[in-house]
Amino acid sequence: MLSEAVIYDVLRQALWAAVAMSAPLLVVALVAGLVIGLFQALTSVQEMTLTFVPKVGAMLVVFWASMSFMTATLTDFFTNRIIPLIAGG
C-alpha cells in the first residue's frame, strides 16, 4: 500500500507535468489574444472570427511544434514515476 506522502508526491509531479505541457499553448493563446485585442481596439474592427481563427491557427502551429516536448514529458513521467509504482518499486 502506498503512503499518503508518495501519493501526494506523484500527484504534485503529475500536476507539474500538466502545467509544463500546457504552458506553450496557453502562452501563445494569451499573446495572440492580446495582439488581436490591441489590433481590434486600434482599428475599431469588431469581427468575431478575427479573434478566433488566428488564435486557433497559432495554437495549432505551436501544438505541432511542441508535440515532441509534450510526448517526452509524459513518457518520462510515466517511465520514471507511474510504472515503478505499478511494478511495486
N, C-alpha and C. Protein backbone atom coordinates (compact mmCIF):
# COMPACT_ATOMS: atom_id res chain seq x y z
N MET A 1 0.84 -1.19 0.00
CA MET A 1 0.00 0.00 0.00
C MET A 1 0.88 1.25 0.00
N LEU A 2 0.46 2.23 -0.76
CA LEU A 2 1.23 3.46 -0.85
C LEU A 2 0.88 4.40 0.30
N SER A 3 1.87 5.09 0.78
CA SER A 3 1.62 6.06 1.84
C SER A 3 1.07 7.35 1.23
N GLU A 4 0.54 8.18 2.10
CA GLU A 4 -0.03 9.45 1.63
C GLU A 4 1.04 10.34 1.02
N ALA A 5 2.23 10.30 1.57
CA ALA A 5 3.32 11.14 1.07
C ALA A 5 3.67 10.78 -0.37
N VAL A 6 3.69 9.48 -0.67
CA VAL A 6 4.00 9.04 -2.04
C VAL A 6 2.89 9.47 -2.99
N ILE A 7 1.65 9.31 -2.58
CA ILE A 7 0.52 9.69 -3.41
C ILE A 7 0.54 11.19 -3.69
N TYR A 8 0.79 11.99 -2.66
CA TYR A 8 0.84 13.44 -2.85
C TYR A 8 2.01 13.85 -3.73
N ASP A 9 3.13 13.16 -3.59
CA ASP A 9 4.29 13.47 -4.41
C ASP A 9 4.02 13.15 -5.88
N VAL A 10 3.41 12.02 -6.15
CA VAL A 10 3.07 11.66 -7.53
C VAL A 10 2.04 12.63 -8.10
N LEU A 11 1.08 13.03 -7.29
CA LEU A 11 0.08 13.99 -7.74
C LEU A 11 0.73 15.34 -8.04
N ARG A 12 1.65 15.76 -7.20
CA ARG A 12 2.36 17.02 -7.43
C ARG A 12 3.15 16.97 -8.73
N GLN A 13 3.83 15.86 -8.96
CA GLN A 13 4.60 15.72 -10.19
C GLN A 13 3.70 15.64 -11.42
N ALA A 14 2.54 15.03 -11.28
CA ALA A 14 1.60 14.96 -12.40
C ALA A 14 1.06 16.34 -12.74
N LEU A 15 0.75 17.12 -11.72
CA LEU A 15 0.27 18.48 -11.97
C LEU A 15 1.36 19.34 -12.59
N TRP A 16 2.58 19.18 -12.14
CA TRP A 16 3.68 19.93 -12.72
C TRP A 16 3.89 19.54 -14.18
N ALA A 17 3.77 18.25 -14.50
CA ALA A 17 3.90 17.81 -15.90
C ALA A 17 2.78 18.38 -16.76
N ALA A 18 1.57 18.44 -16.20
CA ALA A 18 0.44 19.02 -16.95
C ALA A 18 0.65 20.50 -17.21
N VAL A 19 1.17 21.21 -16.21
CA VAL A 19 1.45 22.64 -16.39
C VAL A 19 2.55 22.84 -17.43
N ALA A 20 3.58 22.03 -17.37
CA ALA A 20 4.69 22.16 -18.32
C ALA A 20 4.23 21.86 -19.74
N MET A 21 3.35 20.88 -19.90
CA MET A 21 2.88 20.54 -21.24
C MET A 21 1.90 21.57 -21.79
N SER A 22 1.11 22.18 -20.94
CA SER A 22 0.12 23.13 -21.43
C SER A 22 0.64 24.56 -21.53
N ALA A 23 1.77 24.85 -20.93
CA ALA A 23 2.30 26.22 -20.91
C ALA A 23 2.54 26.81 -22.30
N PRO A 24 3.16 26.09 -23.25
CA PRO A 24 3.36 26.71 -24.57
C PRO A 24 2.06 27.11 -25.25
N LEU A 25 1.05 26.27 -25.17
CA LEU A 25 -0.24 26.59 -25.79
C LEU A 25 -0.91 27.77 -25.11
N LEU A 26 -0.86 27.80 -23.80
CA LEU A 26 -1.51 28.89 -23.08
C LEU A 26 -0.81 30.22 -23.30
N VAL A 27 0.51 30.20 -23.37
CA VAL A 27 1.26 31.44 -23.62
C VAL A 27 0.95 31.98 -25.01
N VAL A 28 0.89 31.10 -26.00
CA VAL A 28 0.58 31.54 -27.36
C VAL A 28 -0.84 32.08 -27.44
N ALA A 29 -1.78 31.42 -26.78
CA ALA A 29 -3.16 31.91 -26.78
C ALA A 29 -3.25 33.28 -26.11
N LEU A 30 -2.51 33.47 -25.03
CA LEU A 30 -2.51 34.76 -24.35
C LEU A 30 -1.92 35.86 -25.23
N VAL A 31 -0.77 35.60 -25.83
CA VAL A 31 -0.12 36.60 -26.67
C VAL A 31 -0.98 36.91 -27.90
N ALA A 32 -1.51 35.87 -28.54
CA ALA A 32 -2.35 36.10 -29.73
C ALA A 32 -3.61 36.88 -29.35
N GLY A 33 -4.21 36.58 -28.22
CA GLY A 33 -5.38 37.31 -27.77
C GLY A 33 -5.07 38.77 -27.49
N LEU A 34 -3.93 39.05 -26.88
CA LEU A 34 -3.54 40.44 -26.62
C LEU A 34 -3.27 41.20 -27.91
N VAL A 35 -2.57 40.57 -28.84
CA VAL A 35 -2.27 41.23 -30.11
C VAL A 35 -3.54 41.50 -30.90
N ILE A 36 -4.43 40.52 -30.97
CA ILE A 36 -5.67 40.69 -31.71
C ILE A 36 -6.57 41.72 -31.03
N GLY A 37 -6.62 41.70 -29.72
CA GLY A 37 -7.41 42.69 -28.99
C GLY A 37 -6.88 44.09 -29.21
N LEU A 38 -5.56 44.24 -29.21
CA LEU A 38 -4.96 45.55 -29.48
C LEU A 38 -5.25 46.00 -30.90
N PHE A 39 -5.16 45.08 -31.84
CA PHE A 39 -5.48 45.40 -33.24
C PHE A 39 -6.94 45.84 -33.39
N GLN A 40 -7.84 45.13 -32.72
CA GLN A 40 -9.26 45.49 -32.79
C GLN A 40 -9.52 46.84 -32.14
N ALA A 41 -8.84 47.12 -31.06
CA ALA A 41 -9.04 48.41 -30.39
C ALA A 41 -8.50 49.57 -31.22
N LEU A 42 -7.39 49.34 -31.90
CA LEU A 42 -6.79 50.41 -32.69
C LEU A 42 -7.54 50.66 -34.00
N THR A 43 -8.14 49.61 -34.58
CA THR A 43 -8.79 49.77 -35.88
C THR A 43 -10.31 49.82 -35.77
N SER A 44 -10.86 49.59 -34.61
CA SER A 44 -12.32 49.55 -34.40
C SER A 44 -13.00 48.47 -35.23
N VAL A 45 -12.29 47.42 -35.57
CA VAL A 45 -12.86 46.27 -36.27
C VAL A 45 -13.33 45.28 -35.22
N GLN A 46 -14.62 45.01 -35.17
CA GLN A 46 -15.18 44.12 -34.16
C GLN A 46 -15.76 42.87 -34.80
N GLU A 47 -14.93 42.12 -35.46
CA GLU A 47 -15.36 40.89 -36.13
C GLU A 47 -15.03 39.71 -35.22
N MET A 48 -16.01 38.85 -34.99
CA MET A 48 -15.81 37.73 -34.06
C MET A 48 -14.84 36.69 -34.61
N THR A 49 -14.87 36.45 -35.92
CA THR A 49 -13.95 35.45 -36.47
C THR A 49 -12.51 35.93 -36.43
N LEU A 50 -12.31 37.24 -36.36
CA LEU A 50 -10.95 37.78 -36.29
C LEU A 50 -10.27 37.39 -34.98
N THR A 51 -11.04 37.19 -33.93
CA THR A 51 -10.44 36.79 -32.66
C THR A 51 -10.22 35.28 -32.59
N PHE A 52 -11.03 34.52 -33.28
CA PHE A 52 -11.00 33.07 -33.13
C PHE A 52 -10.00 32.40 -34.07
N VAL A 53 -10.08 32.69 -35.35
CA VAL A 53 -9.29 31.97 -36.35
C VAL A 53 -7.78 32.15 -36.17
N PRO A 54 -7.25 33.35 -36.02
CA PRO A 54 -5.79 33.46 -35.83
C PRO A 54 -5.30 32.80 -34.54
N LYS A 55 -6.10 32.89 -33.49
CA LYS A 55 -5.69 32.29 -32.22
C LYS A 55 -5.62 30.77 -32.35
N VAL A 56 -6.62 30.18 -32.99
CA VAL A 56 -6.61 28.72 -33.17
C VAL A 56 -5.47 28.31 -34.10
N GLY A 57 -5.24 29.09 -35.15
CA GLY A 57 -4.13 28.78 -36.06
C GLY A 57 -2.79 28.83 -35.35
N ALA A 58 -2.57 29.85 -34.55
CA ALA A 58 -1.30 29.95 -33.80
C ALA A 58 -1.16 28.80 -32.82
N MET A 59 -2.25 28.44 -32.16
CA MET A 59 -2.19 27.33 -31.20
C MET A 59 -1.90 26.01 -31.91
N LEU A 60 -2.46 25.80 -33.09
CA LEU A 60 -2.18 24.57 -33.84
C LEU A 60 -0.71 24.49 -34.25
N VAL A 61 -0.15 25.62 -34.68
CA VAL A 61 1.27 25.64 -35.07
C VAL A 61 2.15 25.32 -33.86
N VAL A 62 1.86 25.93 -32.72
CA VAL A 62 2.66 25.69 -31.53
C VAL A 62 2.46 24.26 -31.02
N PHE A 63 1.24 23.76 -31.11
CA PHE A 63 1.00 22.37 -30.70
C PHE A 63 1.81 21.41 -31.56
N TRP A 64 1.82 21.65 -32.86
CA TRP A 64 2.58 20.80 -33.75
C TRP A 64 4.07 20.89 -33.45
N ALA A 65 4.56 22.11 -33.18
CA ALA A 65 5.98 22.30 -32.92
C ALA A 65 6.42 21.72 -31.58
N SER A 66 5.54 21.75 -30.58
CA SER A 66 5.93 21.29 -29.25
C SER A 66 5.39 19.90 -28.91
N MET A 67 4.89 19.19 -29.89
CA MET A 67 4.34 17.87 -29.63
C MET A 67 5.42 16.90 -29.14
N SER A 68 6.63 16.99 -29.66
CA SER A 68 7.69 16.09 -29.21
C SER A 68 8.05 16.36 -27.75
N PHE A 69 8.07 17.66 -27.36
CA PHE A 69 8.33 18.01 -25.96
C PHE A 69 7.24 17.46 -25.05
N MET A 70 5.99 17.59 -25.46
CA MET A 70 4.87 17.10 -24.64
C MET A 70 4.92 15.58 -24.51
N THR A 71 5.22 14.90 -25.62
CA THR A 71 5.30 13.44 -25.58
C THR A 71 6.46 12.98 -24.70
N ALA A 72 7.59 13.65 -24.80
CA ALA A 72 8.75 13.28 -23.98
C ALA A 72 8.46 13.52 -22.50
N THR A 73 7.79 14.62 -22.18
CA THR A 73 7.46 14.92 -20.78
C THR A 73 6.54 13.85 -20.21
N LEU A 74 5.50 13.50 -20.95
CA LEU A 74 4.56 12.50 -20.47
C LEU A 74 5.19 11.11 -20.39
N THR A 75 6.02 10.77 -21.35
CA THR A 75 6.69 9.47 -21.34
C THR A 75 7.66 9.38 -20.16
N ASP A 76 8.41 10.45 -19.91
CA ASP A 76 9.32 10.45 -18.77
C ASP A 76 8.58 10.33 -17.45
N PHE A 77 7.46 11.02 -17.33
CA PHE A 77 6.68 10.93 -16.10
C PHE A 77 6.20 9.50 -15.86
N PHE A 78 5.65 8.88 -16.88
CA PHE A 78 5.16 7.52 -16.70
C PHE A 78 6.29 6.52 -16.49
N THR A 79 7.39 6.70 -17.22
CA THR A 79 8.50 5.77 -17.10
C THR A 79 9.18 5.86 -15.74
N ASN A 80 9.35 7.09 -15.25
CA ASN A 80 10.09 7.28 -14.00
C ASN A 80 9.24 7.22 -12.74
N ARG A 81 7.94 7.50 -12.83
CA ARG A 81 7.12 7.56 -11.61
C ARG A 81 6.00 6.53 -11.57
N ILE A 82 5.20 6.44 -12.60
CA ILE A 82 3.99 5.61 -12.54
C ILE A 82 4.31 4.14 -12.68
N ILE A 83 5.09 3.76 -13.68
CA ILE A 83 5.37 2.34 -13.92
C ILE A 83 6.14 1.72 -12.75
N PRO A 84 7.13 2.38 -12.14
CA PRO A 84 7.76 1.77 -10.95
C PRO A 84 6.76 1.59 -9.78
N LEU A 85 5.80 2.50 -9.64
CA LEU A 85 4.81 2.30 -8.59
C LEU A 85 3.89 1.11 -8.87
N ILE A 86 3.55 0.95 -10.14
CA ILE A 86 2.71 -0.20 -10.51
C ILE A 86 3.47 -1.49 -10.31
N ALA A 87 4.76 -1.48 -10.67
CA ALA A 87 5.58 -2.68 -10.54
C ALA A 87 5.94 -2.98 -9.09
N GLY A 88 5.66 -2.06 -8.19
CA GLY A 88 5.91 -2.32 -6.78
C GLY A 88 7.20 -1.73 -6.27
N GLY A 89 7.76 -0.77 -7.01
CA GLY A 89 9.04 -0.19 -6.60
C GLY A 89 8.94 0.95 -5.74
